[in-house]
PDB file of N, CA and C in Angstrom:
ATOM      1  N   MET A   1       0.800  -1.349  -0.091  1.00  0.00           N
ATOM      2  CA  MET A   1      -0.122  -0.221   0.073  1.00  0.00           C
ATOM      3  C   MET A   1       1.066   1.350   0.351  1.00  0.00           C
ATOM      4  N   LEU A   2       0.405   2.220  -1.089  1.00  0.00           N
ATOM      5  CA  LEU A   2       1.546   3.912  -0.940  1.00  0.00           C
ATOM      6  C   LEU A   2       1.074   4.236   0.270  1.00  0.00           C
ATOM      7  N   PRO A   3       2.336   5.236   0.751  1.00  0.00           N
ATOM      8  CA  PRO A   3       2.254   6.010   1.977  1.00  0.00           C
ATOM      9  C   PRO A   3       1.043   6.687   1.821  1.00  0.00           C
ATOM     10  N   GLU A   4       0.452   7.416   0.917  1.00  0.00           N
ATOM     11  CA  GLU A   4      -0.739   8.401   0.960  1.00  0.00           C
ATOM     12  C   GLU A   4      -1.935   7.680   1.746  1.00  0.00           C
ATOM     13  N   HIS A   5      -2.235   6.190   0.967  1.00  0.00           N
ATOM     14  CA  HIS A   5      -3.166   5.616   0.901  1.00  0.00           C
ATOM     15  C   HIS A   5      -3.830   5.376   1.534  1.00  0.00           C
ATOM     16  N   ARG A   6      -2.380   4.605   2.478  1.00  0.00           N
ATOM     17  CA  ARG A   6      -1.945   4.400   3.950  1.00  0.00           C
ATOM     18  C   ARG A   6      -2.846   5.633   5.025  1.00  0.00           C
ATOM     19  N   LYS A   7      -1.839   6.697   4.907  1.00  0.00           N
ATOM     20  CA  LYS A   7      -2.115   7.496   5.805  1.00  0.00           C
ATOM     21  C   LYS A   7      -3.418   8.057   5.612  1.00  0.00           C
ATOM     22  N   VAL A   8      -5.118   8.056   4.298  1.00  0.00           N
ATOM     23  CA  VAL A   8      -5.849   8.209   4.520  1.00  0.00           C
ATOM     24  C   VAL A   8      -6.501   7.451   4.895  1.00  0.00           C
ATOM     25  N   LEU A   9      -6.681   5.610   4.893  1.00  0.00           N
ATOM     26  CA  LEU A   9      -7.120   4.923   5.824  1.00  0.00           C
ATOM     27  C   LEU A   9      -6.689   4.403   7.077  1.00  0.00           C
ATOM     28  N   GLU A  10      -6.038   5.371   7.479  1.00  0.00           N
ATOM     29  CA  GLU A  10      -5.722   5.298   8.872  1.00  0.00           C
ATOM     30  C   GLU A  10      -6.363   6.361   9.542  1.00  0.00           C
ATOM     31  N   TYR A  11      -6.684   7.610   8.751  1.00  0.00           N
ATOM     32  CA  TYR A  11      -7.702   8.977   9.321  1.00  0.00           C
ATOM     33  C   TYR A  11      -9.076   8.478   9.234  1.00  0.00           C
ATOM     34  N   LEU A  12      -9.300   7.525   8.524  1.00  0.00           N
ATOM     35  CA  LEU A  12     -10.952   6.828   8.098  1.00  0.00           C
ATOM     36  C   LEU A  12     -11.083   6.524   9.194  1.00  0.00           C
ATOM     37  N   ASP A  13      -9.754   5.224   9.422  1.00  0.00           N
ATOM     38  CA  ASP A  13     -10.367   4.302  10.636  1.00  0.00           C
ATOM     39  C   ASP A  13     -10.761   4.877  12.318  1.00  0.00           C
ATOM     40  N   GLN A  14     -10.074   6.195  12.345  1.00  0.00           N
ATOM     41  CA  GLN A  14      -9.813   6.995  13.002  1.00  0.00           C
ATOM     42  C   GLN A  14     -10.803   7.469  13.221  1.00  0.00           C
ATOM     43  N   HIS A  15     -11.294   8.659  12.381  1.00  0.00           N
ATOM     44  CA  HIS A  15     -12.622   8.978  12.282  1.00  0.00           C
ATOM     45  C   HIS A  15     -14.017   8.466  12.113  1.00  0.00           C
ATOM     46  N   THR A  16     -13.699   7.021  11.110  1.00  0.00           N
ATOM     47  CA  THR A  16     -15.409   6.941  10.944  1.00  0.00           C
ATOM     48  C   THR A  16     -15.864   5.625  11.373  1.00  0.00           C
ATOM     49  N   TYR A  17     -17.053   4.870  11.327  1.00  0.00           N
ATOM     50  CA  TYR A  17     -16.931   3.766  11.620  1.00  0.00           C
ATOM     51  C   TYR A  17     -18.002   3.095  10.512  1.00  0.00           C
ATOM     52  N   GLU A  18     -17.793   1.956  10.412  1.00  0.00           N
ATOM     53  CA  GLU A  18     -18.036   1.105   9.455  1.00  0.00           C
ATOM     54  C   GLU A  18     -19.465   0.802   9.024  1.00  0.00           C
ATOM     55  N   ASP A  19     -20.041   0.755   7.811  1.00  0.00           N
ATOM     56  CA  ASP A  19     -21.057  -0.025   6.931  1.00  0.00           C
ATOM     57  C   ASP A  19     -21.825   2.138   7.396  1.00  0.00           C
ATOM     58  N   GLY A  20     -21.223   3.046   6.983  1.00  0.00           N
ATOM     59  CA  GLY A  20     -21.577   3.911   6.780  1.00  0.00           C
ATOM     60  C   GLY A  20     -22.390   4.836   8.023  1.00  0.00           C
ATOM     61  N   GLU A  21     -22.140   4.171   9.344  1.00  0.00           N
ATOM     62  CA  GLU A  21     -22.431   4.855  10.668  1.00  0.00           C
ATOM     63  C   GLU A  21     -22.170   6.131  11.057  1.00  0.00           C
ATOM     64  N   LEU A  22     -20.462   6.778  10.008  1.00  0.00           N
ATOM     65  CA  LEU A  22     -20.385   7.590  10.196  1.00  0.00           C
ATOM     66  C   LEU A  22     -19.026   8.143   9.792  1.00  0.00           C
ATOM     67  N   CYS A  23     -19.285   9.002   8.229  1.00  0.00           N
ATOM     68  CA  CYS A  23     -18.895   9.087   6.981  1.00  0.00           C
ATOM     69  C   CYS A  23     -17.982  10.834   6.866  1.00  0.00           C
ATOM     70  N   VAL A  24     -17.181  10.669   6.441  1.00  0.00           N
ATOM     71  CA  VAL A  24     -16.168  12.154   6.455  1.00  0.00           C
ATOM     72  C   VAL A  24     -16.102  12.695   5.048  1.00  0.00           C
ATOM     73  N   PRO A  25     -16.542  13.541   4.454  1.00  0.00           N
ATOM     74  CA  PRO A  25     -16.148  14.542   3.280  1.00  0.00           C
ATOM     75  C   PRO A  25     -14.879  14.211   2.842  1.00  0.00           C
ATOM     76  N   PHE A  26     -14.497  14.757   1.976  1.00  0.00           N
ATOM     77  CA  PHE A  26     -12.728  15.274   2.023  1.00  0.00           C
ATOM     78  C   PHE A  26     -11.959  16.106   2.628  1.00  0.00           C
ATOM     79  N   ALA A  27     -12.621  17.324   2.615  1.00  0.00           N
ATOM     80  CA  ALA A  27     -12.701  18.190   3.418  1.00  0.00           C
ATOM     81  C   ALA A  27     -11.217  18.205   4.608  1.00  0.00           C
ATOM     82  N   PRO A  28     -11.986  17.080   6.207  1.00  0.00           N
ATOM     83  CA  PRO A  28     -11.011  17.025   7.027  1.00  0.00           C
ATOM     84  C   PRO A  28     -10.073  16.179   6.876  1.00  0.00           C
ATOM     85  N   ILE A  29     -10.376  15.334   5.857  1.00  0.00           N
ATOM     86  CA  ILE A  29      -8.936  14.205   5.556  1.00  0.00           C
ATOM     87  C   ILE A  29      -7.937  15.164   4.430  1.00  0.00           C
ATOM     88  N   CYS A  30      -8.331  16.084   4.104  1.00  0.00           N
ATOM     89  CA  CYS A  30      -7.531  17.090   3.186  1.00  0.00           C
ATOM     90  C   CYS A  30      -6.555  18.045   4.354  1.00  0.00           C
ATOM     91  N   GLU A  31      -7.419  18.397   5.298  1.00  0.00           N
ATOM     92  CA  GLU A  31      -6.663  18.591   6.956  1.00  0.00           C
ATOM     93  C   GLU A  31      -5.817  18.065   7.088  1.00  0.00           C
ATOM     94  N   SER A  32      -6.136  16.644   7.682  1.00  0.00           N
ATOM     95  CA  SER A  32      -5.449  16.170   8.470  1.00  0.00           C
ATOM     96  C   SER A  32      -4.572  15.862   7.867  1.00  0.00           C
ATOM     97  N   THR A  33      -4.292  14.821   6.409  1.00  0.00           N
ATOM     98  CA  THR A  33      -3.553  14.903   6.051  1.00  0.00           C
ATOM     99  C   THR A  33      -2.316  15.442   4.949  1.00  0.00           C
ATOM    100  N   ARG A  34      -3.195  16.767   4.860  1.00  0.00           N
ATOM    101  CA  ARG A  34      -2.185  18.092   4.159  1.00  0.00           C
ATOM    102  C   ARG A  34      -2.120  17.186   2.606  1.00  0.00           C
ATOM    103  N   LEU A  35      -2.928  16.709   2.004  1.00  0.00           N
ATOM    104  CA  LEU A  35      -3.163  16.298   0.694  1.00  0.00           C
ATOM    105  C   LEU A  35      -4.225  17.030   0.363  1.00  0.00           C
ATOM    106  N   SER A  36      -3.770  16.988  -1.404  1.00  0.00           N
ATOM    107  CA  SER A  36      -4.844  18.165  -2.115  1.00  0.00           C
ATOM    108  C   SER A  36      -6.115  17.189  -2.104  1.00  0.00           C
ATOM    109  N   ARG A  37      -7.351  18.351  -2.418  1.00  0.00           N
ATOM    110  CA  ARG A  37      -8.440  17.494  -2.621  1.00  0.00           C
ATOM    111  C   ARG A  37      -8.113  16.479  -4.078  1.00  0.00           C
ATOM    112  N   ALA A  38      -8.187  17.301  -4.991  1.00  0.00           N
ATOM    113  CA  ALA A  38      -8.119  16.100  -5.754  1.00  0.00           C
ATOM    114  C   ALA A  38      -6.817  15.154  -5.954  1.00  0.00           C
ATOM    115  N   ARG A  39      -5.992  14.954  -4.604  1.00  0.00           N
ATOM    116  CA  ARG A  39      -5.263  13.088  -4.233  1.00  0.00           C
ATOM    117  C   ARG A  39      -6.382  12.616  -3.595  1.00  0.00           C
ATOM    118  N   VAL A  40      -7.053  13.403  -2.350  1.00  0.00           N
ATOM    119  CA  VAL A  40      -8.165  12.750  -1.623  1.00  0.00           C
ATOM    120  C   VAL A  40      -8.835  11.617  -2.149  1.00  0.00           C
ATOM    121  N   ARG A  41      -9.199  12.954  -3.299  1.00  0.00           N
ATOM    122  CA  ARG A  41     -10.667  12.102  -3.800  1.00  0.00           C
ATOM    123  C   ARG A  41     -10.040  10.788  -4.345  1.00  0.00           C
ATOM    124  N   PHE A  42      -8.657  11.106  -5.272  1.00  0.00           N
ATOM    125  CA  PHE A  42      -8.440   9.889  -5.627  1.00  0.00           C
ATOM    126  C   PHE A  42      -7.890   8.592  -5.164  1.00  0.00           C
ATOM    127  N   ILE A  43      -7.772   8.927  -4.206  1.00  0.00           N
ATOM    128  CA  ILE A  43      -6.972   7.924  -2.815  1.00  0.00           C
ATOM    129  C   ILE A  43      -8.738   7.173  -2.550  1.00  0.00           C
ATOM    130  N   CYS A  44      -9.128   7.855  -2.540  1.00  0.00           N
ATOM    131  CA  CYS A  44     -10.581   7.461  -2.096  1.00  0.00           C
ATOM    132  C   CYS A  44     -11.284   6.654  -2.524  1.00  0.00           C
ATOM    133  N   ARG A  45     -11.595   7.176  -4.056  1.00  0.00           N
ATOM    134  CA  ARG A  45     -12.225   6.252  -5.057  1.00  0.00           C
ATOM    135  C   ARG A  45     -11.168   4.885  -4.964  1.00  0.00           C
ATOM    136  N   ALA A  46      -9.503   4.947  -4.877  1.00  0.00           N
ATOM    137  CA  ALA A  46      -9.085   3.911  -5.262  1.00  0.00           C
ATOM    138  C   ALA A  46      -9.231   2.895  -4.125  1.00  0.00           C
ATOM    139  N   LEU A  47      -9.175   3.189  -2.543  1.00  0.00           N
ATOM    140  CA  LEU A  47      -9.765   2.480  -1.583  1.00  0.00           C
ATOM    141  C   LEU A  47     -10.701   1.570  -1.599  1.00  0.00           C
ATOM    142  N   ARG A  48     -11.864   2.693  -2.259  1.00  0.00           N
ATOM    143  CA  ARG A  48     -12.988   2.138  -2.779  1.00  0.00           C
ATOM    144  C   ARG A  48     -13.033   0.944  -3.494  1.00  0.00           C
ATOM    145  N   ARG A  49     -12.459   1.066  -4.865  1.00  0.00           N
ATOM    146  CA  ARG A  49     -12.402  -0.132  -4.902  1.00  0.00           C
ATOM    147  C   ARG A  49     -11.653  -1.367  -5.259  1.00  0.00           C
ATOM    148  N   LYS A  50     -10.798  -1.121  -3.953  1.00  0.00           N
ATOM    149  CA  LYS A  50     -10.350  -2.095  -3.517  1.00  0.00           C
ATOM    150  C   LYS A  50     -10.560  -2.605  -2.562  1.00  0.00           C
ATOM    151  N   GLY A  51     -11.643  -2.140  -1.857  1.00  0.00           N
ATOM    152  CA  GLY A  51     -12.794  -2.591  -0.699  1.00  0.00           C
ATOM    153  C   GLY A  51     -12.586  -2.166   0.353  1.00  0.00           C
ATOM    154  N   LEU A  52     -11.370  -1.493   0.760  1.00  0.00           N
ATOM    155  CA  LEU A  52     -10.729  -0.939   1.511  1.00  0.00           C
ATOM    156  C   LEU A  52     -11.767   0.033   2.666  1.00  0.00           C
ATOM    157  N   ALA A  53     -12.714   1.097   1.498  1.00  0.00           N
ATOM    158  CA  ALA A  53     -13.190   2.097   2.217  1.00  0.00           C
ATOM    159  C   ALA A  53     -14.841   1.822   1.325  1.00  0.00           C
ATOM    160  N   GLU A  54     -15.834   3.009   2.181  1.00  0.00           N
ATOM    161  CA  GLU A  54     -17.020   2.707   1.482  1.00  0.00           C
ATOM    162  C   GLU A  54     -17.520   3.598   1.240  1.00  0.00           C
ATOM    163  N   PHE A  55     -18.255   4.124   0.102  1.00  0.00           N
ATOM    164  CA  PHE A  55     -19.121   5.557  -0.022  1.00  0.00           C
ATOM    165  C   PHE A  55     -20.136   5.839   0.091  1.00  0.00           C
ATOM    166  N   HIS A  56     -20.758   6.804   0.948  1.00  0.00           N
ATOM    167  CA  HIS A  56     -21.903   6.236   1.244  1.00  0.00           C
ATOM    168  C   HIS A  56     -22.306   7.937   0.939  1.00  0.00           C
ATOM    169  N   SER A  57     -24.085   8.041  -0.181  1.00  0.00           N
ATOM    170  CA  SER A  57     -24.440   9.785  -0.009  1.00  0.00           C
ATOM    171  C   SER A  57     -25.726   9.612   0.566  1.00  0.00           C
ATOM    172  N   ALA A  58     -26.332  10.528   0.644  1.00  0.00           N
ATOM    173  CA  ALA A  58     -27.615  11.234   1.206  1.00  0.00           C
ATOM    174  C   ALA A  58     -27.180  10.425   2.222  1.00  0.00           C
ATOM    175  N   LEU A  59     -26.687  11.577   3.031  1.00  0.00           N
ATOM    176  CA  LEU A  59     -26.151  11.688   4.511  1.00  0.00           C
ATOM    177  C   LEU A  59     -27.134  12.017   5.365  1.00  0.00           C
ATOM    178  N   TRP A  60     -27.658  11.734   6.739  1.00  0.00           N
ATOM    179  CA  TRP A  60     -28.122  12.403   7.638  1.00  0.00           C
ATOM    180  C   TRP A  60     -27.399  13.109   8.800  1.00  0.00           C
ATOM    181  N   THR A  61     -27.408  13.819   9.452  1.00  0.00           N
ATOM    182  CA  THR A  61     -27.190  14.134  10.826  1.00  0.00           C
ATOM    183  C   THR A  61     -28.656  13.271  11.600  1.00  0.00           C
ATOM    184  N   GLU A  62     -28.031  13.205  13.230  1.00  0.00           N
ATOM    185  CA  GLU A  62     -28.837  13.012  13.759  1.00  0.00           C
ATOM    186  C   GLU A  62     -30.172  13.478  14.290  1.00  0.00           C
ATOM    187  N   GLU A  63     -29.741  15.009  13.969  1.00  0.00           N
ATOM    188  CA  GLU A  63     -31.120  15.547  13.875  1.00  0.00           C
ATOM    189  C   GLU A  63     -32.085  15.694  12.352  1.00  0.00           C
ATOM    190  N   GLY A  64     -31.850  14.753  12.231  1.00  0.00           N
ATOM    191  CA  GLY A  64     -32.741  14.542  10.506  1.00  0.00           C
ATOM    192  C   GLY A  64     -32.059  15.570   9.137  1.00  0.00           C
ATOM    193  N   TYR A  65     -31.430  16.046   9.266  1.00  0.00           N
ATOM    194  CA  TYR A  65     -31.052  17.087   8.330  1.00  0.00           C
ATOM    195  C   TYR A  65     -30.286  15.860   7.244  1.00  0.00           C
ATOM    196  N   PRO A  66     -30.033  17.093   5.489  1.00  0.00           N
ATOM    197  CA  PRO A  66     -29.239  16.005   4.951  1.00  0.00           C
ATOM    198  C   PRO A  66     -27.611  16.728   5.160  1.00  0.00           C
ATOM    199  N   ALA A  67     -27.123  15.775   5.620  1.00  0.00           N
ATOM    200  CA  ALA A  67     -25.430  15.949   5.740  1.00  0.00           C
ATOM    201  C   ALA A  67     -24.551  15.963   4.252  1.00  0.00           C
ATOM    202  N   GLY A  68     -25.027  15.508   3.226  1.00  0.00           N
ATOM    203  CA  GLY A  68     -24.025  15.429   2.126  1.00  0.00           C
ATOM    204  C   GLY A  68     -23.542  13.702   1.822  1.00  0.00           C
ATOM    205  N   ALA A  69     -22.609  13.601   1.490  1.00  0.00           N
ATOM    206  CA  ALA A  69     -21.781  12.455   1.257  1.00  0.00           C
ATOM    207  C   ALA A  69     -20.493  12.259   1.899  1.00  0.00           C
ATOM    208  N   GLY A  70     -20.006  11.293   1.639  1.00  0.00           N
ATOM    209  CA  GLY A  70     -18.602  10.943   2.609  1.00  0.00           C
ATOM    210  C   GLY A  70     -18.450   9.473   2.461  1.00  0.00           C
ATOM    211  N   TYR A  71     -17.396   9.657   2.647  1.00  0.00           N
ATOM    212  CA  TYR A  71     -16.636   8.212   2.721  1.00  0.00           C
ATOM    213  C   TYR A  71     -16.002   7.258   4.662  1.00  0.00           C
ATOM    214  N   CYS A  72     -16.288   6.448   4.491  1.00  0.00           N
ATOM    215  CA  CYS A  72     -16.244   5.320   5.615  1.00  0.00           C
ATOM    216  C   CYS A  72     -14.693   4.193   5.502  1.00  0.00           C
ATOM    217  N   ILE A  73     -14.394   3.859   6.340  1.00  0.00           N
ATOM    218  CA  ILE A  73     -13.566   2.519   6.453  1.00  0.00           C
ATOM    219  C   ILE A  73     -14.720   1.193   6.214  1.00  0.00           C
ATOM    220  N   SER A  74     -13.968   0.614   5.274  1.00  0.00           N
ATOM    221  CA  SER A  74     -14.799  -0.938   5.208  1.00  0.00           C
ATOM    222  C   SER A  74     -13.978  -1.769   6.338  1.00  0.00           C
ATOM    223  N   LYS A  75     -14.667  -3.026   6.298  1.00  0.00           N
ATOM    224  CA  LYS A  75     -13.925  -4.271   7.639  1.00  0.00           C
ATOM    225  C   LYS A  75     -12.838  -4.448   6.855  1.00  0.00           C
ATOM    226  N   ALA A  76     -13.028  -4.875   5.571  1.00  0.00           N
ATOM    227  CA  ALA A  76     -11.863  -5.004   5.191  1.00  0.00           C
ATOM    228  C   ALA A  76     -10.238  -3.946   4.940  1.00  0.00           C
ATOM    229  N   GLY A  77     -10.908  -2.636   5.241  1.00  0.00           N
ATOM    230  CA  GLY A  77     -10.083  -1.956   5.691  1.00  0.00           C
ATOM    231  C   GLY A  77      -9.650  -2.024   7.303  1.00  0.00           C
ATOM    232  N   VAL A  78     -10.117  -1.980   8.075  1.00  0.00           N
ATOM    233  CA  VAL A  78      -9.664  -2.384   9.301  1.00  0.00           C
ATOM    234  C   VAL A  78      -8.862  -3.577   9.230  1.00  0.00           C
ATOM    235  N   LYS A  79      -8.751  -4.428   8.939  1.00  0.00           N
ATOM    236  CA  LYS A  79      -8.568  -5.875   8.689  1.00  0.00           C
ATOM    237  C   LYS A  79      -7.222  -5.307   8.208  1.00  0.00           C
ATOM    238  N   ALA A  80      -6.966  -4.979   7.036  1.00  0.00           N
ATOM    239  CA  ALA A  80      -5.868  -4.289   6.359  1.00  0.00           C
ATOM    240  C   ALA A  80      -5.048  -3.256   7.059  1.00  0.00           C
ATOM    241  N   LEU A  81      -5.184  -3.113   7.693  1.00  0.00           N
ATOM    242  CA  LEU A  81      -4.203  -2.104   8.521  1.00  0.00           C
ATOM    243  C   LEU A  81      -4.158  -2.875   9.511  1.00  0.00           C
ATOM    244  N   GLU A  82      -4.916  -3.784  10.193  1.00  0.00           N
ATOM    245  CA  GLU A  82      -4.563  -4.321  11.768  1.00  0.00           C
ATOM    246  C   GLU A  82      -3.387  -5.755  10.902  1.00  0.00           C
ATOM    247  N   GLY A  83      -3.225  -5.758   9.477  1.00  0.00           N
ATOM    248  CA  GLY A  83      -2.159  -6.945   9.228  1.00  0.00           C
ATOM    249  C   GLY A  83      -0.922  -6.081   9.166  1.00  0.00           C
ATOM    250  N   ILE A  84      -0.704  -4.689   9.142  1.00  0.00           N
ATOM    251  CA  ILE A  84      -0.182  -3.874   8.219  1.00  0.00           C
ATOM    252  C   ILE A  84       0.740  -3.229   9.903  1.00  0.00           C
ATOM    253  N   LEU A  85      -0.177  -3.277  10.442  1.00  0.00           N
ATOM    254  CA  LEU A  85       0.383  -2.904  12.214  1.00  0.00           C
ATOM    255  C   LEU A  85       0.619  -3.582  12.922  1.00  0.00           C
ATOM    256  N   GLU A  86       0.795  -5.137  12.927  1.00  0.00           N
ATOM    257  CA  GLU A  86       1.021  -6.205  13.756  1.00  0.00           C
ATOM    258  C   GLU A  86       2.602  -6.446  12.871  1.00  0.00           C
TER     259      GLU A  86
END
């Protein structure tokens, strides 16, 4: 796994929940990783294609308001990180 991909996947691991329970848009990932929006977008899509992240659209806040779309880590992403960190 490329270092930038790992950095984004680690961010998702620390700030999201599996199955779309908690997702994040690109902006906070960019701020934390210091990667450009275009690069974060590319990496998130690559992680999704590999099954390590999930994309969820039409997200809602706990108050019932629309909150846009975002990415979260997948079960496979969690397992991949566990394998890397062991």
